[in-house]
Structures are given as C-alpha cells and as structure tokens.
Amino acid sequence: AHFVKLGDKVKKGQKILTVGTGNGQWSAHCHYDCPQRKLNSWT
C-alpha cells in the first residue's frame, strides 16, 4: 500500500508505504535502491 501519490512532498522519516510481495512472486520484503540519475524506465 502507498500512503503518498505522484507529486507529493515527503519528509525524512515519513511513512510512505507497506511491505508487499511483488504480486506474490516473492516472500514479503522491500527492495530498496538508489539510482544516481533518472532511469529511462523506472521498472
């Protein structure tokens, strides 16, 4: 679940989402990475 939407401003430490499973393809976890530039496709 997402608690923010496109265009929203967020603060450090703000709750933004909850852990899912990638449509059941994985065990529940959050994949987190830090692209240093805008990707051609976020997926």
All heavy atoms as atom14 arrays in JSON, in Angstrom:
{
  "sequence": "AHFVKLGDKVKKGQKILTVGTGNGQWSAHCHYDCPQRKLNSWT",
  "atom14_mask": [
    [1, 1, 1, 1, 1, 0, 0, 0, 0, 0, 0, 0, 0, 0],
    [1, 1, 1, 1, 1, 1, 1, 1, 1, 1, 0, 0, 0, 0],
    [1, 1, 1, 1, 1, 1, 1, 1, 1, 1, 1, 0, 0, 0],
    [1, 1, 1, 1, 1, 1, 1, 0, 0, 0, 0, 0, 0, 0],
    [1, 1, 1, 1, 1, 1, 1, 1, 1, 0, 0, 0, 0, 0],
    [1, 1, 1, 1, 1, 1, 1, 1, 0, 0, 0, 0, 0, 0],
    [1, 1, 1, 1, 0, 0, 0, 0, 0, 0, 0, 0, 0, 0],
    [1, 1, 1, 1, 1, 1, 1, 1, 0, 0, 0, 0, 0, 0],
    [1, 1, 1, 1, 1, 1, 1, 1, 1, 0, 0, 0, 0, 0],
    [1, 1, 1, 1, 1, 1, 1, 0, 0, 0, 0, 0, 0, 0],
    [1, 1, 1, 1, 1, 1, 1, 1, 1, 0, 0, 0, 0, 0],
    [1, 1, 1, 1, 1, 1, 1, 1, 1, 0, 0, 0, 0, 0],
    [1, 1, 1, 1, 0, 0, 0, 0, 0, 0, 0, 0, 0, 0],
    [1, 1, 1, 1, 1, 1, 1, 1, 1, 0, 0, 0, 0, 0],
    [1, 1, 1, 1, 1, 1, 1, 1, 1, 0, 0, 0, 0, 0],
    [1, 1, 1, 1, 1, 1, 1, 1, 0, 0, 0, 0, 0, 0],
    [1, 1, 1, 1, 1, 1, 1, 1, 0, 0, 0, 0, 0, 0],
    [1, 1, 1, 1, 1, 1, 1, 0, 0, 0, 0, 0, 0, 0],
    [1, 1, 1, 1, 1, 1, 1, 0, 0, 0, 0, 0, 0, 0],
    [1, 1, 1, 1, 0, 0, 0, 0, 0, 0, 0, 0, 0, 0],
    [1, 1, 1, 1, 1, 1, 1, 0, 0, 0, 0, 0, 0, 0],
    [1, 1, 1, 1, 0, 0, 0, 0, 0, 0, 0, 0, 0, 0],
    [1, 1, 1, 1, 1, 1, 1, 1, 0, 0, 0, 0, 0, 0],
    [1, 1, 1, 1, 0, 0, 0, 0, 0, 0, 0, 0, 0, 0],
    [1, 1, 1, 1, 1, 1, 1, 1, 1, 0, 0, 0, 0, 0],
    [1, 1, 1, 1, 1, 1, 1, 1, 1, 1, 1, 1, 1, 1],
    [1, 1, 1, 1, 1, 1, 0, 0, 0, 0, 0, 0, 0, 0],
    [1, 1, 1, 1, 1, 0, 0, 0, 0, 0, 0, 0, 0, 0],
    [1, 1, 1, 1, 1, 1, 1, 1, 1, 1, 0, 0, 0, 0],
    [1, 1, 1, 1, 1, 1, 0, 0, 0, 0, 0, 0, 0, 0],
    [1, 1, 1, 1, 1, 1, 1, 1, 1, 1, 0, 0, 0, 0],
    [1, 1, 1, 1, 1, 1, 1, 1, 1, 1, 1, 1, 0, 0],
    [1, 1, 1, 1, 1, 1, 1, 1, 0, 0, 0, 0, 0, 0],
    [1, 1, 1, 1, 1, 1, 0, 0, 0, 0, 0, 0, 0, 0],
    [1, 1, 1, 1, 1, 1, 1, 0, 0, 0, 0, 0, 0, 0],
    [1, 1, 1, 1, 1, 1, 1, 1, 1, 0, 0, 0, 0, 0],
    [1, 1, 1, 1, 1, 1, 1, 1, 1, 1, 1, 0, 0, 0],
    [1, 1, 1, 1, 1, 1, 1, 1, 1, 0, 0, 0, 0, 0],
    [1, 1, 1, 1, 1, 1, 1, 1, 0, 0, 0, 0, 0, 0],
    [1, 1, 1, 1, 1, 1, 1, 1, 0, 0, 0, 0, 0, 0],
    [1, 1, 1, 1, 1, 1, 0, 0, 0, 0, 0, 0, 0, 0],
    [1, 1, 1, 1, 1, 1, 1, 1, 1, 1, 1, 1, 1, 1],
    [1, 1, 1, 1, 1, 1, 1, 0, 0, 0, 0, 0, 0, 0]
  ],
  "atom14_positions": [
    [[0.85, -1.2, 0.0], [0.0, 0.0, 0.0], [0.88, 1.24, 0.0], [1.95, 1.27, 0.61], [-0.92, 0.0, 1.22], [0.0, 0.0, 0.0], [0.0, 0.0, 0.0], [0.0, 0.0, 0.0], [0.0, 0.0, 0.0], [0.0, 0.0, 0.0], [0.0, 0.0, 0.0], [0.0, 0.0, 0.0], [0.0, 0.0, 0.0], [0.0, 0.0, 0.0]],
    [[0.39, 2.29, -0.68], [1.1, 3.57, -0.72], [0.3, 4.61, 0.07], [-0.91, 4.7, -0.07], [1.27, 4.04, -2.16], [2.26, 3.24, -2.95], [2.76, 3.64, -4.16], [2.86, 2.04, -2.7], [3.61, 2.75, -4.63], [3.68, 1.76, -3.75], [0.0, 0.0, 0.0], [0.0, 0.0, 0.0], [0.0, 0.0, 0.0], [0.0, 0.0, 0.0]],
    [[1.03, 5.42, 0.84], [0.39, 6.49, 1.6], [0.68, 7.86, 1.0], [0.29, 8.89, 1.57], [0.85, 6.44, 3.06], [0.48, 5.15, 3.74], [1.4, 4.13, 3.87], [-0.81, 4.95, 4.21], [1.06, 2.94, 4.48], [-1.17, 3.75, 4.83], [-0.23, 2.74, 4.95], [0.0, 0.0, 0.0], [0.0, 0.0, 0.0], [0.0, 0.0, 0.0]],
    [[1.39, 7.87, -0.1], [1.66, 9.1, -0.85], [1.38, 8.82, -2.32], [1.29, 7.66, -2.74], [3.13, 9.57, -0.66], [3.36, 10.04, 0.77], [4.11, 8.46, -1.03], [0.0, 0.0, 0.0], [0.0, 0.0, 0.0], [0.0, 0.0, 0.0], [0.0, 0.0, 0.0], [0.0, 0.0, 0.0], [0.0, 0.0, 0.0], [0.0, 0.0, 0.0]],
    [[1.29, 9.9, -3.09], [1.0, 9.75, -4.52], [1.91, 10.65, -5.33], [2.65, 11.48, -4.77], [-0.46, 10.08, -4.8], [-0.86, 11.5, -4.47], [-2.34, 11.72, -4.72], [-2.77, 13.16, -4.45], [-2.51, 13.59, -3.08], [0.0, 0.0, 0.0], [0.0, 0.0, 0.0], [0.0, 0.0, 0.0], [0.0, 0.0, 0.0], [0.0, 0.0, 0.0]],
    [[1.84, 10.52, -6.63], [2.68, 11.28, -7.54], [2.55, 12.78, -7.27], [1.46, 13.32, -7.17], [2.28, 10.98, -8.98], [3.13, 11.66, -10.07], [4.55, 11.12, -10.06], [2.49, 11.43, -11.46], [0.0, 0.0, 0.0], [0.0, 0.0, 0.0], [0.0, 0.0, 0.0], [0.0, 0.0, 0.0], [0.0, 0.0, 0.0], [0.0, 0.0, 0.0]],
    [[3.72, 13.45, -7.11], [3.75, 14.9, -6.88], [3.77, 15.3, -5.43], [4.03, 16.48, -5.12], [0.0, 0.0, 0.0], [0.0, 0.0, 0.0], [0.0, 0.0, 0.0], [0.0, 0.0, 0.0], [0.0, 0.0, 0.0], [0.0, 0.0, 0.0], [0.0, 0.0, 0.0], [0.0, 0.0, 0.0], [0.0, 0.0, 0.0], [0.0, 0.0, 0.0]],
    [[3.52, 14.36, -4.51], [3.51, 14.69, -3.09], [4.93, 14.98, -2.59], [5.9, 14.34, -3.01], [2.93, 13.54, -2.26], [1.42, 13.48, -2.34], [0.82, 14.37, -2.96], [0.85, 12.5, -1.8], [0.0, 0.0, 0.0], [0.0, 0.0, 0.0], [0.0, 0.0, 0.0], [0.0, 0.0, 0.0], [0.0, 0.0, 0.0], [0.0, 0.0, 0.0]],
    [[5.02, 15.95, -1.68], [6.28, 16.2, -0.99], [6.32, 15.35, 0.27], [5.32, 15.22, 0.97], [6.42, 17.68, -0.63], [6.55, 18.59, -1.84], [6.71, 20.04, -1.41], [6.85, 20.96, -2.62], [7.01, 22.37, -2.22], [0.0, 0.0, 0.0], [0.0, 0.0, 0.0], [0.0, 0.0, 0.0], [0.0, 0.0, 0.0], [0.0, 0.0, 0.0]],
    [[7.47, 14.77, 0.54], [7.61, 13.91, 1.72], [8.76, 14.42, 2.58], [9.67, 15.12, 2.1], [7.85, 12.44, 1.32], [6.68, 11.91, 0.53], [9.14, 12.3, 0.51], [0.0, 0.0, 0.0], [0.0, 0.0, 0.0], [0.0, 0.0, 0.0], [0.0, 0.0, 0.0], [0.0, 0.0, 0.0], [0.0, 0.0, 0.0], [0.0, 0.0, 0.0]],
    [[8.69, 14.05, 3.85], [9.74, 14.41, 4.8], [10.49, 13.16, 5.24], [9.95, 12.05, 5.21], [9.12, 15.08, 6.03], [8.49, 16.43, 5.75], [9.54, 17.47, 5.4], [8.94, 18.84, 5.23], [9.96, 19.86, 4.89], [0.0, 0.0, 0.0], [0.0, 0.0, 0.0], [0.0, 0.0, 0.0], [0.0, 0.0, 0.0], [0.0, 0.0, 0.0]],
    [[11.72, 13.36, 5.64], [12.51, 12.24, 6.14], [11.81, 11.62, 7.34], [11.39, 12.32, 8.26], [13.9, 12.71, 6.53], [14.81, 11.6, 7.03], [16.21, 12.13, 7.34], [17.11, 11.01, 7.82], [18.48, 11.49, 8.12], [0.0, 0.0, 0.0], [0.0, 0.0, 0.0], [0.0, 0.0, 0.0], [0.0, 0.0, 0.0], [0.0, 0.0, 0.0]],
    [[11.67, 10.28, 7.32], [11.02, 9.58, 8.41], [9.51, 9.45, 8.26], [8.86, 8.84, 9.11], [0.0, 0.0, 0.0], [0.0, 0.0, 0.0], [0.0, 0.0, 0.0], [0.0, 0.0, 0.0], [0.0, 0.0, 0.0], [0.0, 0.0, 0.0], [0.0, 0.0, 0.0], [0.0, 0.0, 0.0], [0.0, 0.0, 0.0], [0.0, 0.0, 0.0]],
    [[8.94, 9.99, 7.19], [7.5, 9.9, 6.95], [7.14, 8.51, 6.42], [7.83, 7.95, 5.57], [7.08, 10.97, 5.94], [5.61, 10.95, 5.58], [5.25, 12.03, 4.57], [5.98, 13.02, 4.41], [4.13, 11.86, 3.88], [0.0, 0.0, 0.0], [0.0, 0.0, 0.0], [0.0, 0.0, 0.0], [0.0, 0.0, 0.0], [0.0, 0.0, 0.0]],
    [[6.04, 7.95, 6.91], [5.57, 6.65, 6.43], [5.05, 6.81, 5.0], [4.17, 7.63, 4.73], [4.46, 6.12, 7.35], [3.93, 4.75, 6.98], [2.86, 4.31, 7.97], [2.28, 2.96, 7.59], [1.22, 2.53, 8.55], [0.0, 0.0, 0.0], [0.0, 0.0, 0.0], [0.0, 0.0, 0.0], [0.0, 0.0, 0.0], [0.0, 0.0, 0.0]],
    [[5.59, 6.0, 4.08], [5.24, 6.17, 2.67], [4.55, 4.95, 2.07], [3.79, 5.08, 1.1], [6.49, 6.53, 1.83], [7.59, 5.48, 2.03], [6.99, 7.93, 2.18], [8.82, 5.7, 1.16], [0.0, 0.0, 0.0], [0.0, 0.0, 0.0], [0.0, 0.0, 0.0], [0.0, 0.0, 0.0], [0.0, 0.0, 0.0], [0.0, 0.0, 0.0]],
    [[4.81, 3.75, 2.61], [4.2, 2.54, 2.05], [4.32, 1.38, 3.03], [4.91, 1.53, 4.11], [4.84, 2.19, 0.7], [6.37, 2.05, 0.64], [6.81, 0.64, 1.02], [6.86, 2.37, -0.76], [0.0, 0.0, 0.0], [0.0, 0.0, 0.0], [0.0, 0.0, 0.0], [0.0, 0.0, 0.0], [0.0, 0.0, 0.0], [0.0, 0.0, 0.0]],
    [[3.78, 0.22, 2.66], [3.93, -1.0, 3.46], [4.51, -2.11, 2.58], [4.43, -2.07, 1.35], [2.6, -1.47, 4.05], [1.67, -1.69, 2.98], [2.04, -0.44, 5.02], [0.0, 0.0, 0.0], [0.0, 0.0, 0.0], [0.0, 0.0, 0.0], [0.0, 0.0, 0.0], [0.0, 0.0, 0.0], [0.0, 0.0, 0.0], [0.0, 0.0, 0.0]],
    [[5.12, -3.07, 3.24], [5.8, -4.17, 2.54], [4.79, -5.09, 1.85], [3.76, -5.44, 2.42], [6.67, -4.97, 3.54], [7.25, -6.22, 2.86], [7.77, -4.1, 4.11], [0.0, 0.0, 0.0], [0.0, 0.0, 0.0], [0.0, 0.0, 0.0], [0.0, 0.0, 0.0], [0.0, 0.0, 0.0], [0.0, 0.0, 0.0], [0.0, 0.0, 0.0]],
    [[5.12, -5.44, 0.6], [4.29, -6.38, -0.16], [5.11, -7.56, -0.64], [6.21, -7.82, -0.12], [0.0, 0.0, 0.0], [0.0, 0.0, 0.0], [0.0, 0.0, 0.0], [0.0, 0.0, 0.0], [0.0, 0.0, 0.0], [0.0, 0.0, 0.0], [0.0, 0.0, 0.0], [0.0, 0.0, 0.0], [0.0, 0.0, 0.0], [0.0, 0.0, 0.0]],
    [[4.61, -8.24, -1.66], [5.27, -9.45, -2.15], [5.57, -9.42, -3.66], [5.97, -10.42, -4.23], [4.4, -10.68, -1.88], [3.17, -10.55, -2.61], [4.12, -10.83, -0.4], [0.0, 0.0, 0.0], [0.0, 0.0, 0.0], [0.0, 0.0, 0.0], [0.0, 0.0, 0.0], [0.0, 0.0, 0.0], [0.0, 0.0, 0.0], [0.0, 0.0, 0.0]],
    [[5.35, -8.28, -4.29], [5.55, -8.25, -5.74], [4.55, -9.14, -6.44], [4.92, -9.97, -7.27], [0.0, 0.0, 0.0], [0.0, 0.0, 0.0], [0.0, 0.0, 0.0], [0.0, 0.0, 0.0], [0.0, 0.0, 0.0], [0.0, 0.0, 0.0], [0.0, 0.0, 0.0], [0.0, 0.0, 0.0], [0.0, 0.0, 0.0], [0.0, 0.0, 0.0]],
    [[3.28, -8.97, -6.09], [2.19, -9.77, -6.66], [2.37, -11.26, -6.4], [2.04, -12.1, -7.24], [2.05, -9.51, -8.16], [1.6, -8.09, -8.44], [0.83, -7.52, -7.69], [2.09, -7.52, -9.53], [0.0, 0.0, 0.0], [0.0, 0.0, 0.0], [0.0, 0.0, 0.0], [0.0, 0.0, 0.0], [0.0, 0.0, 0.0], [0.0, 0.0, 0.0]],
    [[2.92, -11.56, -5.23], [3.02, -12.95, -4.82], [4.19, -13.7, -5.42], [4.32, -14.92, -5.22], [0.0, 0.0, 0.0], [0.0, 0.0, 0.0], [0.0, 0.0, 0.0], [0.0, 0.0, 0.0], [0.0, 0.0, 0.0], [0.0, 0.0, 0.0], [0.0, 0.0, 0.0], [0.0, 0.0, 0.0], [0.0, 0.0, 0.0], [0.0, 0.0, 0.0]],
    [[5.06, -13.0, -6.16], [6.19, -13.69, -6.79], [7.34, -13.89, -5.81], [8.24, -14.68, -6.1], [6.67, -12.9, -8.0], [5.6, -12.78, -9.09], [6.1, -12.01, -10.29], [6.91, -12.52, -11.06], [5.64, -10.79, -10.44], [0.0, 0.0, 0.0], [0.0, 0.0, 0.0], [0.0, 0.0, 0.0], [0.0, 0.0, 0.0], [0.0, 0.0, 0.0]],
    [[7.33, -13.14, -4.68], [8.42, -13.23, -3.71], [7.85, -13.35, -2.31], [6.66, -13.06, -2.08], [9.31, -11.97, -3.77], [9.66, -11.55, -5.16], [9.13, -10.52, -5.87], [10.62, -12.17, -6.0], [9.7, -10.45, -7.11], [10.62, -11.45, -7.22], [11.48, -13.27, -5.88], [11.44, -11.79, -8.3], [12.3, -13.6, -6.94], [12.28, -12.87, -8.13]],
    [[8.68, -13.72, -1.39], [8.3, -13.58, 0.02], [8.29, -12.09, 0.35], [8.98, -11.29, -0.3], [9.29, -14.33, 0.92], [9.28, -15.72, 0.64], [0.0, 0.0, 0.0], [0.0, 0.0, 0.0], [0.0, 0.0, 0.0], [0.0, 0.0, 0.0], [0.0, 0.0, 0.0], [0.0, 0.0, 0.0], [0.0, 0.0, 0.0], [0.0, 0.0, 0.0]],
    [[7.52, -11.71, 1.35], [7.35, -10.29, 1.67], [8.69, -9.64, 2.05], [9.4, -10.12, 2.93], [6.35, -10.13, 2.8], [0.0, 0.0, 0.0], [0.0, 0.0, 0.0], [0.0, 0.0, 0.0], [0.0, 0.0, 0.0], [0.0, 0.0, 0.0], [0.0, 0.0, 0.0], [0.0, 0.0, 0.0], [0.0, 0.0, 0.0], [0.0, 0.0, 0.0]],
    [[9.03, -8.58, 1.34], [10.21, -7.77, 1.65], [10.12, -6.48, 0.84], [9.28, -6.35, -0.06], [11.51, -8.52, 1.33], [11.75, -8.69, -0.14], [11.14, -9.68, -0.88], [12.54, -8.0, -1.01], [11.53, -9.61, -2.13], [12.39, -8.58, -2.25], [0.0, 0.0, 0.0], [0.0, 0.0, 0.0], [0.0, 0.0, 0.0], [0.0, 0.0, 0.0]],
    [[10.97, -5.55, 1.15], [11.03, -4.29, 0.41], [12.37, -4.22, -0.33], [13.43, -4.28, 0.3], [10.9, -3.09, 1.36], [11.09, -1.48, 0.54], [0.0, 0.0, 0.0], [0.0, 0.0, 0.0], [0.0, 0.0, 0.0], [0.0, 0.0, 0.0], [0.0, 0.0, 0.0], [0.0, 0.0, 0.0], [0.0, 0.0, 0.0], [0.0, 0.0, 0.0]],
    [[12.28, -4.11, -1.66], [13.5, -3.85, -2.43], [13.74, -2.34, -2.43], [12.86, -1.55, -2.79], [13.36, -4.34, -3.86], [14.54, -3.92, -4.72], [15.64, -4.73, -4.89], [14.77, -2.78, -5.43], [16.51, -4.1, -5.67], [16.0, -2.91, -6.01], [0.0, 0.0, 0.0], [0.0, 0.0, 0.0], [0.0, 0.0, 0.0], [0.0, 0.0, 0.0]],
    [[14.94, -1.95, -2.01], [15.28, -0.51, -1.92], [16.62, -0.28, -2.6], [17.63, -0.9, -2.26], [15.34, -0.08, -0.45], [15.95, 1.29, -0.21], [15.47, 2.41, -0.88], [17.01, 1.45, 0.68], [16.04, 3.66, -0.66], [17.56, 2.68, 0.92], [17.09, 3.8, 0.24], [17.64, 5.03, 0.45], [0.0, 0.0, 0.0], [0.0, 0.0, 0.0]],
    [[16.63, 0.64, -3.6], [17.89, 1.03, -4.24], [17.9, 2.53, -4.5], [16.87, 3.22, -4.35], [18.16, 0.23, -5.52], [17.06, 0.36, -6.56], [16.44, 1.43, -6.64], [16.82, -0.62, -7.31], [0.0, 0.0, 0.0], [0.0, 0.0, 0.0], [0.0, 0.0, 0.0], [0.0, 0.0, 0.0], [0.0, 0.0, 0.0], [0.0, 0.0, 0.0]],
    [[19.08, 3.04, -4.88], [19.28, 4.5, -5.01], [19.9, 4.85, -6.36], [21.13, 5.03, -6.46], [20.17, 5.01, -3.89], [19.54, 4.72, -2.24], [0.0, 0.0, 0.0], [0.0, 0.0, 0.0], [0.0, 0.0, 0.0], [0.0, 0.0, 0.0], [0.0, 0.0, 0.0], [0.0, 0.0, 0.0], [0.0, 0.0, 0.0], [0.0, 0.0, 0.0]],
    [[19.09, 4.96, -7.42], [19.63, 5.41, -8.7], [20.19, 6.83, -8.58], [19.55, 7.71, -8.01], [18.41, 5.38, -9.63], [17.46, 4.44, -8.98], [17.66, 4.63, -7.51], [0.0, 0.0, 0.0], [0.0, 0.0, 0.0], [0.0, 0.0, 0.0], [0.0, 0.0, 0.0], [0.0, 0.0, 0.0], [0.0, 0.0, 0.0], [0.0, 0.0, 0.0]],
    [[21.38, 7.03, -9.14], [22.01, 8.35, -9.05], [21.55, 9.29, -10.17], [21.87, 10.47, -10.15], [23.53, 8.21, -9.08], [24.07, 7.37, -7.92], [25.57, 7.42, -7.84], [26.17, 8.44, -7.48], [26.22, 6.32, -8.18], [0.0, 0.0, 0.0], [0.0, 0.0, 0.0], [0.0, 0.0, 0.0], [0.0, 0.0, 0.0], [0.0, 0.0, 0.0]],
    [[20.8, 8.74, -11.12], [20.25, 9.56, -12.21], [18.87, 9.01, -12.54], [18.51, 7.9, -12.15], [21.15, 9.47, -13.45], [21.36, 8.06, -13.95], [22.25, 7.99, -15.18], [22.51, 6.62, -15.59], [21.67, 5.86, -16.28], [20.49, 6.37, -16.64], [21.98, 4.63, -16.62], [0.0, 0.0, 0.0], [0.0, 0.0, 0.0], [0.0, 0.0, 0.0]],
    [[18.11, 9.81, -13.28], [16.78, 9.36, -13.69], [16.91, 8.25, -14.71], [17.62, 8.38, -15.71], [15.99, 10.53, -14.29], [14.57, 10.19, -14.63], [13.82, 11.41, -15.14], [12.37, 11.06, -15.47], [11.61, 12.24, -15.97], [0.0, 0.0, 0.0], [0.0, 0.0, 0.0], [0.0, 0.0, 0.0], [0.0, 0.0, 0.0], [0.0, 0.0, 0.0]],
    [[16.22, 7.14, -14.46], [16.28, 6.0, -15.36], [15.32, 6.19, -16.54], [14.3, 6.9, -16.42], [15.92, 4.71, -14.61], [16.8, 4.37, -13.39], [16.31, 3.08, -12.75], [18.27, 4.25, -13.79], [0.0, 0.0, 0.0], [0.0, 0.0, 0.0], [0.0, 0.0, 0.0], [0.0, 0.0, 0.0], [0.0, 0.0, 0.0], [0.0, 0.0, 0.0]],
    [[15.66, 5.58, -17.66], [14.76, 5.66, -18.82], [13.4, 5.05, -18.51], [12.37, 5.52, -18.99], [15.38, 4.95, -20.02], [16.65, 5.64, -20.51], [16.77, 6.86, -20.37], [17.58, 4.88, -21.06], [0.0, 0.0, 0.0], [0.0, 0.0, 0.0], [0.0, 0.0, 0.0], [0.0, 0.0, 0.0], [0.0, 0.0, 0.0], [0.0, 0.0, 0.0]],
    [[13.41, 4.0, -17.7], [12.17, 3.39, -17.24], [12.36, 2.97, -15.79], [13.35, 2.29, -15.46], [11.81, 2.16, -18.09], [10.72, 1.46, -17.52], [0.0, 0.0, 0.0], [0.0, 0.0, 0.0], [0.0, 0.0, 0.0], [0.0, 0.0, 0.0], [0.0, 0.0, 0.0], [0.0, 0.0, 0.0], [0.0, 0.0, 0.0], [0.0, 0.0, 0.0]],
    [[11.42, 3.4, -14.92], [11.57, 3.08, -13.5], [11.33, 1.59, -13.23], [11.67, 1.11, -12.15], [10.62, 3.93, -12.67], [11.03, 5.38, -12.61], [10.34, 6.44, -13.09], [12.23, 5.91, -12.04], [11.03, 7.61, -12.87], [12.2, 7.3, -12.21], [13.33, 5.35, -11.39], [13.22, 8.14, -11.78], [14.36, 6.17, -10.96], [14.3, 7.55, -11.15]],
    [[10.78, 0.88, -14.19], [10.58, -0.56, -14.0], [11.71, -1.37, -14.64], [11.64, -2.6, -14.68], [9.24, -1.0, -14.6], [9.2, -0.67, -15.99], [8.09, -0.32, -13.88], [0.0, 0.0, 0.0], [0.0, 0.0, 0.0], [0.0, 0.0, 0.0], [0.0, 0.0, 0.0], [0.0, 0.0, 0.0], [0.0, 0.0, 0.0], [0.0, 0.0, 0.0]]
  ]
}
